[in-house]
Amino acid sequence: MQTITTFLTFNDQAEEAAKLYTSIFPNSTITKITRNGEGGPGPADRILSVVFQLNGQEFIALNGGTHFKFSDGISLFINCETQAEVDHYWEKLSEGGKEGPCGWLNDKFGVSWQVVPSKLGQFLQDEDPEKAKRAMAAMMTMKKIDIQALEEAVAEPV
C-alpha cells in the first residue's frame, strides 16, 4: 500500500491534467472524481478532486483556485530506459509547456518534470572521474537528454 501520495493543486484543471497524464503513462487510470456539494468551496457539482494512477502510483489533483502555483523546487522524475521513452515523455509533457535545461521541463499546467535516462546516473557516478566530468559537461549543453551524445562524450577523452 502506498503511504505517501503526490498531491497536485491546480487552479481549475485537475481533470484535464489527470486525463493528459493518464494518456501518456502506461498502466494509468483515473480512479475517482469528487465533485463539490452544496455549500462546498466552489460551485455545486464542479470537480473538486481527481484521484489517478500513473504507472500504478497514486496521485491526487485538486482544483484549489488561483492562489496555488507550481514551482520548480519540486518536480516529478521519470526514469527512462531508452531514448524512445525519453522522446515520448519529453514530446508529450512539453507540448504547450516550457523546455528547460538538463532534462527538465514544465508542462502546460506548470508542473515541473525531469525526463532522465537511467544511463545518465550511471555516467555521472562513473568510477573514472574524467568520464563523469565529461558526462556532466555534455548534459549541461542539453535540454532533452540525448543518450547517444552522452555515450559519445563519456567514450571520448577531451
C-alpha atoms as a PDB file:
ATOM      1  CA  MET A   1       0.000   0.000   0.000  1.00  0.00           C
ATOM      2  CA  GLN A   2       1.330   3.415  -0.993  1.00  0.00           C
ATOM      3  CA  THR A   3       1.712   5.573   2.129  1.00  0.00           C
ATOM      4  CA  ILE A   4       2.839   8.841   0.544  1.00  0.00           C
ATOM      5  CA  THR A   5       0.797  10.283  -2.324  1.00  0.00           C
ATOM      6  CA  THR A   6       1.750  13.229  -4.504  1.00  0.00           C
ATOM      7  CA  PHE A   7      -0.958  15.913  -4.215  1.00  0.00           C
ATOM      8  CA  LEU A   8      -1.072  18.447  -7.058  1.00  0.00           C
ATOM      9  CA  THR A   9      -3.161  21.608  -6.667  1.00  0.00           C
ATOM     10  CA  PHE A  10      -4.358  23.229  -9.878  1.00  0.00           C
ATOM     11  CA  ASN A  11      -6.459  26.323 -10.460  1.00  0.00           C
ATOM     12  CA  ASP A  12      -9.326  24.517 -12.196  1.00  0.00           C
ATOM     13  CA  GLN A  13      -7.572  21.988 -14.445  1.00  0.00           C
ATOM     14  CA  ALA A  14      -7.368  18.880 -12.230  1.00  0.00           C
ATOM     15  CA  GLU A  15      -9.438  16.704 -14.547  1.00  0.00           C
ATOM     16  CA  GLU A  16      -7.721  17.989 -17.704  1.00  0.00           C
ATOM     17  CA  ALA A  17      -4.292  17.309 -16.165  1.00  0.00           C
ATOM     18  CA  ALA A  18      -5.268  13.836 -14.935  1.00  0.00           C
ATOM     19  CA  LYS A  19      -6.627  12.947 -18.375  1.00  0.00           C
ATOM     20  CA  LEU A  20      -3.430  14.138 -20.052  1.00  0.00           C
ATOM     21  CA  TYR A  21      -1.110  12.344 -17.653  1.00  0.00           C
ATOM     22  CA  THR A  22      -3.052   9.057 -17.764  1.00  0.00           C
ATOM     23  CA  SER A  23      -2.957   9.185 -21.574  1.00  0.00           C
ATOM     24  CA  ILE A  24       0.850   9.471 -21.540  1.00  0.00           C
ATOM     25  CA  PHE A  25       1.936   6.855 -18.989  1.00  0.00           C
ATOM     26  CA  PRO A  26       1.332   3.096 -19.259  1.00  0.00           C
ATOM     27  CA  ASN A  27      -0.735   1.303 -16.610  1.00  0.00           C
ATOM     28  CA  SER A  28      -2.529   4.544 -15.743  1.00  0.00           C
ATOM     29  CA  THR A  29      -6.131   5.402 -14.970  1.00  0.00           C
ATOM     30  CA  ILE A  30      -8.425   7.875 -13.258  1.00  0.00           C
ATOM     31  CA  THR A  31      -9.852   6.073 -10.237  1.00  0.00           C
ATOM     32  CA  LYS A  32     -12.129   8.651  -8.605  1.00  0.00           C
ATOM     33  CA  ILE A  33     -13.637  12.070  -9.276  1.00  0.00           C
ATOM     34  CA  THR A  34     -15.107  14.056  -6.389  1.00  0.00           C
ATOM     35  CA  ARG A  35     -17.466  16.947  -7.044  1.00  0.00           C
ATOM     36  CA  ASN A  36     -18.391  19.888  -4.823  1.00  0.00           C
ATOM     37  CA  GLY A  37     -21.622  19.535  -2.930  1.00  0.00           C
ATOM     38  CA  GLU A  38     -23.945  22.312  -1.895  1.00  0.00           C
ATOM     39  CA  GLY A  39     -22.054  24.793   0.256  1.00  0.00           C
ATOM     40  CA  GLY A  40     -18.681  23.434  -0.961  1.00  0.00           C
ATOM     41  CA  PRO A  41     -15.620  25.502  -1.749  1.00  0.00           C
ATOM     42  CA  GLY A  42     -16.894  26.185  -5.277  1.00  0.00           C
ATOM     43  CA  PRO A  43     -19.983  25.876  -7.418  1.00  0.00           C
ATOM     44  CA  ALA A  44     -22.066  22.778  -6.742  1.00  0.00           C
ATOM     45  CA  ASP A  45     -21.213  19.822  -8.981  1.00  0.00           C
ATOM     46  CA  ARG A  46     -17.863  21.366 -10.034  1.00  0.00           C
ATOM     47  CA  ILE A  47     -14.978  18.892  -9.899  1.00  0.00           C
ATOM     48  CA  LEU A  48     -13.118  19.261  -6.624  1.00  0.00           C
ATOM     49  CA  SER A  49     -10.527  16.498  -6.937  1.00  0.00           C
ATOM     50  CA  VAL A  50      -9.362  13.678  -9.161  1.00  0.00           C
ATOM     51  CA  VAL A  51      -7.547  10.583  -7.928  1.00  0.00           C
ATOM     52  CA  PHE A  52      -5.472   8.906 -10.617  1.00  0.00           C
ATOM     53  CA  GLN A  53      -2.639   6.440 -11.060  1.00  0.00           C
ATOM     54  CA  LEU A  54       0.417   6.827 -13.255  1.00  0.00           C
ATOM     55  CA  ASN A  55       2.099   3.504 -13.906  1.00  0.00           C
ATOM     56  CA  GLY A  56       0.423   2.177 -10.775  1.00  0.00           C
ATOM     57  CA  GLN A  57       1.442   5.079  -8.495  1.00  0.00           C
ATOM     58  CA  GLU A  58      -1.389   7.133  -6.979  1.00  0.00           C
ATOM     59  CA  PHE A  59      -1.711  10.905  -7.329  1.00  0.00           C
ATOM     60  CA  ILE A  60      -4.399  13.366  -6.287  1.00  0.00           C
ATOM     61  CA  ALA A  61      -5.234  16.517  -8.246  1.00  0.00           C
ATOM     62  CA  LEU A  62      -7.266  19.281  -6.620  1.00  0.00           C
ATOM     63  CA  ASN A  63      -8.971  22.319  -8.116  1.00  0.00           C
ATOM     64  CA  GLY A  64      -7.786  24.745  -5.470  1.00  0.00           C
ATOM     65  CA  GLY A  65      -8.050  28.140  -7.135  1.00  0.00           C
ATOM     66  CA  THR A  66      -5.687  30.754  -8.478  1.00  0.00           C
ATOM     67  CA  HIS A  67      -3.616  31.284  -5.334  1.00  0.00           C
ATOM     68  CA  PHE A  68      -1.840  27.910  -5.723  1.00  0.00           C
ATOM     69  CA  LYS A  69       1.203  27.934  -8.002  1.00  0.00           C
ATOM     70  CA  PHE A  70       3.624  25.208  -9.033  1.00  0.00           C
ATOM     71  CA  SER A  71       7.347  25.746  -8.523  1.00  0.00           C
ATOM     72  CA  ASP A  72      10.497  24.195  -9.960  1.00  0.00           C
ATOM     73  CA  GLY A  73      11.502  23.486  -6.362  1.00  0.00           C
ATOM     74  CA  ILE A  74       9.651  20.193  -6.653  1.00  0.00           C
ATOM     75  CA  SER A  75       9.439  18.022  -9.753  1.00  0.00           C
ATOM     76  CA  LEU A  76       8.243  14.638 -10.905  1.00  0.00           C
ATOM     77  CA  PHE A  77      11.171  12.464 -12.003  1.00  0.00           C
ATOM     78  CA  ILE A  78      10.694   9.974 -14.849  1.00  0.00           C
ATOM     79  CA  ASN A  79      13.401   7.309 -15.065  1.00  0.00           C
ATOM     80  CA  CYS A  80      13.666   6.176 -18.707  1.00  0.00           C
ATOM     81  CA  GLU A  81      15.482   3.130 -20.029  1.00  0.00           C
ATOM     82  CA  THR A  82      15.592   4.098 -23.723  1.00  0.00           C
ATOM     83  CA  GLN A  83      15.840   7.152 -25.928  1.00  0.00           C
ATOM     84  CA  ALA A  84      12.389   6.298 -27.282  1.00  0.00           C
ATOM     85  CA  GLU A  85      10.983   6.671 -23.743  1.00  0.00           C
ATOM     86  CA  VAL A  86      12.818   9.978 -23.239  1.00  0.00           C
ATOM     87  CA  ASP A  87      11.492  11.231 -26.576  1.00  0.00           C
ATOM     88  CA  HIS A  88       7.921  10.103 -25.820  1.00  0.00           C
ATOM     89  CA  TYR A  89       7.666  11.724 -22.389  1.00  0.00           C
ATOM     90  CA  TRP A  90       9.527  14.849 -23.479  1.00  0.00           C
ATOM     91  CA  GLU A  91       7.283  15.399 -26.504  1.00  0.00           C
ATOM     92  CA  LYS A  92       4.009  14.753 -24.673  1.00  0.00           C
ATOM     93  CA  LEU A  93       4.791  16.664 -21.474  1.00  0.00           C
ATOM     94  CA  SER A  94       6.499  19.677 -23.041  1.00  0.00           C
ATOM     95  CA  GLU A  95       3.656  20.298 -25.524  1.00  0.00           C
ATOM     96  CA  GLY A  96       2.231  23.687 -24.597  1.00  0.00           C
ATOM     97  CA  GLY A  97       4.763  23.977 -21.781  1.00  0.00           C
ATOM     98  CA  LYS A  98       8.357  25.100 -21.486  1.00  0.00           C
ATOM     99  CA  GLU A  99      11.541  23.127 -22.092  1.00  0.00           C
ATOM    100  CA  GLY A 100      14.303  23.641 -19.568  1.00  0.00           C
ATOM    101  CA  PRO A 101      17.926  22.553 -19.281  1.00  0.00           C
ATOM    102  CA  CYS A 102      19.307  19.133 -18.365  1.00  0.00           C
ATOM    103  CA  GLY A 103      16.136  17.097 -18.906  1.00  0.00           C
ATOM    104  CA  TRP A 104      13.787  19.449 -17.021  1.00  0.00           C
ATOM    105  CA  LEU A 105      10.540  20.829 -18.393  1.00  0.00           C
ATOM    106  CA  ASN A 106       7.330  22.459 -17.236  1.00  0.00           C
ATOM    107  CA  ASP A 107       4.137  21.071 -18.704  1.00  0.00           C
ATOM    108  CA  LYS A 108       1.281  23.306 -19.832  1.00  0.00           C
ATOM    109  CA  PHE A 109      -0.090  23.352 -16.270  1.00  0.00           C
ATOM    110  CA  GLY A 110       3.241  24.486 -14.789  1.00  0.00           C
ATOM    111  CA  VAL A 111       4.132  21.120 -13.233  1.00  0.00           C
ATOM    112  CA  SER A 112       7.895  20.539 -13.298  1.00  0.00           C
ATOM    113  CA  TRP A 113       9.156  17.212 -14.682  1.00  0.00           C
ATOM    114  CA  GLN A 114      12.580  15.632 -15.093  1.00  0.00           C
ATOM    115  CA  VAL A 115      12.793  13.224 -18.032  1.00  0.00           C
ATOM    116  CA  VAL A 116      16.021  11.349 -17.408  1.00  0.00           C
ATOM    117  CA  PRO A 117      17.576   8.196 -18.850  1.00  0.00           C
ATOM    118  CA  SER A 118      18.932   5.821 -16.207  1.00  0.00           C
ATOM    119  CA  LYS A 119      22.249   5.827 -18.090  1.00  0.00           C
ATOM    120  CA  LEU A 120      22.771   9.457 -17.080  1.00  0.00           C
ATOM    121  CA  GLY A 121      23.023   8.472 -13.420  1.00  0.00           C
ATOM    122  CA  GLN A 122      25.416   5.679 -14.307  1.00  0.00           C
ATOM    123  CA  PHE A 123      27.614   8.060 -16.291  1.00  0.00           C
ATOM    124  CA  LEU A 124      27.592  10.764 -13.611  1.00  0.00           C
ATOM    125  CA  GLN A 125      28.610   8.189 -10.980  1.00  0.00           C
ATOM    126  CA  ASP A 126      31.312   6.518 -13.096  1.00  0.00           C
ATOM    127  CA  GLU A 127      34.348   5.373 -11.122  1.00  0.00           C
ATOM    128  CA  ASP A 128      36.502   7.333 -13.576  1.00  0.00           C
ATOM    129  CA  PRO A 129      36.058  10.980 -12.529  1.00  0.00           C
ATOM    130  CA  GLU A 130      37.037  12.195 -16.001  1.00  0.00           C
ATOM    131  CA  LYS A 131      34.222  10.197 -17.609  1.00  0.00           C
ATOM    132  CA  ALA A 132      31.778  11.541 -15.042  1.00  0.00           C
ATOM    133  CA  LYS A 133      33.014  15.065 -15.723  1.00  0.00           C
ATOM    134  CA  ARG A 134      32.533  14.626 -19.490  1.00  0.00           C
ATOM    135  CA  ALA A 135      29.013  13.267 -18.901  1.00  0.00           C
ATOM    136  CA  MET A 136      28.170  16.290 -16.760  1.00  0.00           C
ATOM    137  CA  ALA A 137      29.590  18.699 -19.333  1.00  0.00           C
ATOM    138  CA  ALA A 138      27.584  17.046 -22.112  1.00  0.00           C
ATOM    139  CA  MET A 139      24.375  17.062 -20.058  1.00  0.00           C
ATOM    140  CA  MET A 140      24.796  20.763 -19.277  1.00  0.00           C
ATOM    141  CA  THR A 141      24.525  21.553 -23.010  1.00  0.00           C
ATOM    142  CA  MET A 142      21.237  19.669 -23.437  1.00  0.00           C
ATOM    143  CA  LYS A 143      17.569  20.364 -22.940  1.00  0.00           C
ATOM    144  CA  LYS A 144      16.128  16.920 -23.773  1.00  0.00           C
ATOM    145  CA  ILE A 145      18.727  14.334 -22.769  1.00  0.00           C
ATOM    146  CA  ASP A 146      20.359  12.539 -25.703  1.00  0.00           C
ATOM    147  CA  ILE A 147      21.699   9.131 -24.637  1.00  0.00           C
ATOM    148  CA  GLN A 148      23.910   8.689 -27.709  1.00  0.00           C
ATOM    149  CA  ALA A 149      25.548  12.093 -27.177  1.00  0.00           C
ATOM    150  CA  LEU A 150      26.206  11.159 -23.538  1.00  0.00           C
ATOM    151  CA  GLU A 151      27.736   7.834 -24.577  1.00  0.00           C
ATOM    152  CA  GLU A 152      29.959   9.609 -27.081  1.00  0.00           C
ATOM    153  CA  ALA A 153      31.058  12.187 -24.500  1.00  0.00           C
ATOM    154  CA  VAL A 154      31.933   9.501 -21.951  1.00  0.00           C
ATOM    155  CA  ALA A 155      33.776   7.348 -24.528  1.00  0.00           C
ATOM    156  CA  GLU A 156      35.945  10.106 -25.967  1.00  0.00           C
ATOM    157  CA  PRO A 157      38.548  11.872 -23.879  1.00  0.00           C
ATOM    158  CA  VAL A 158      38.524  15.636 -24.219  1.00  0.00           C
END
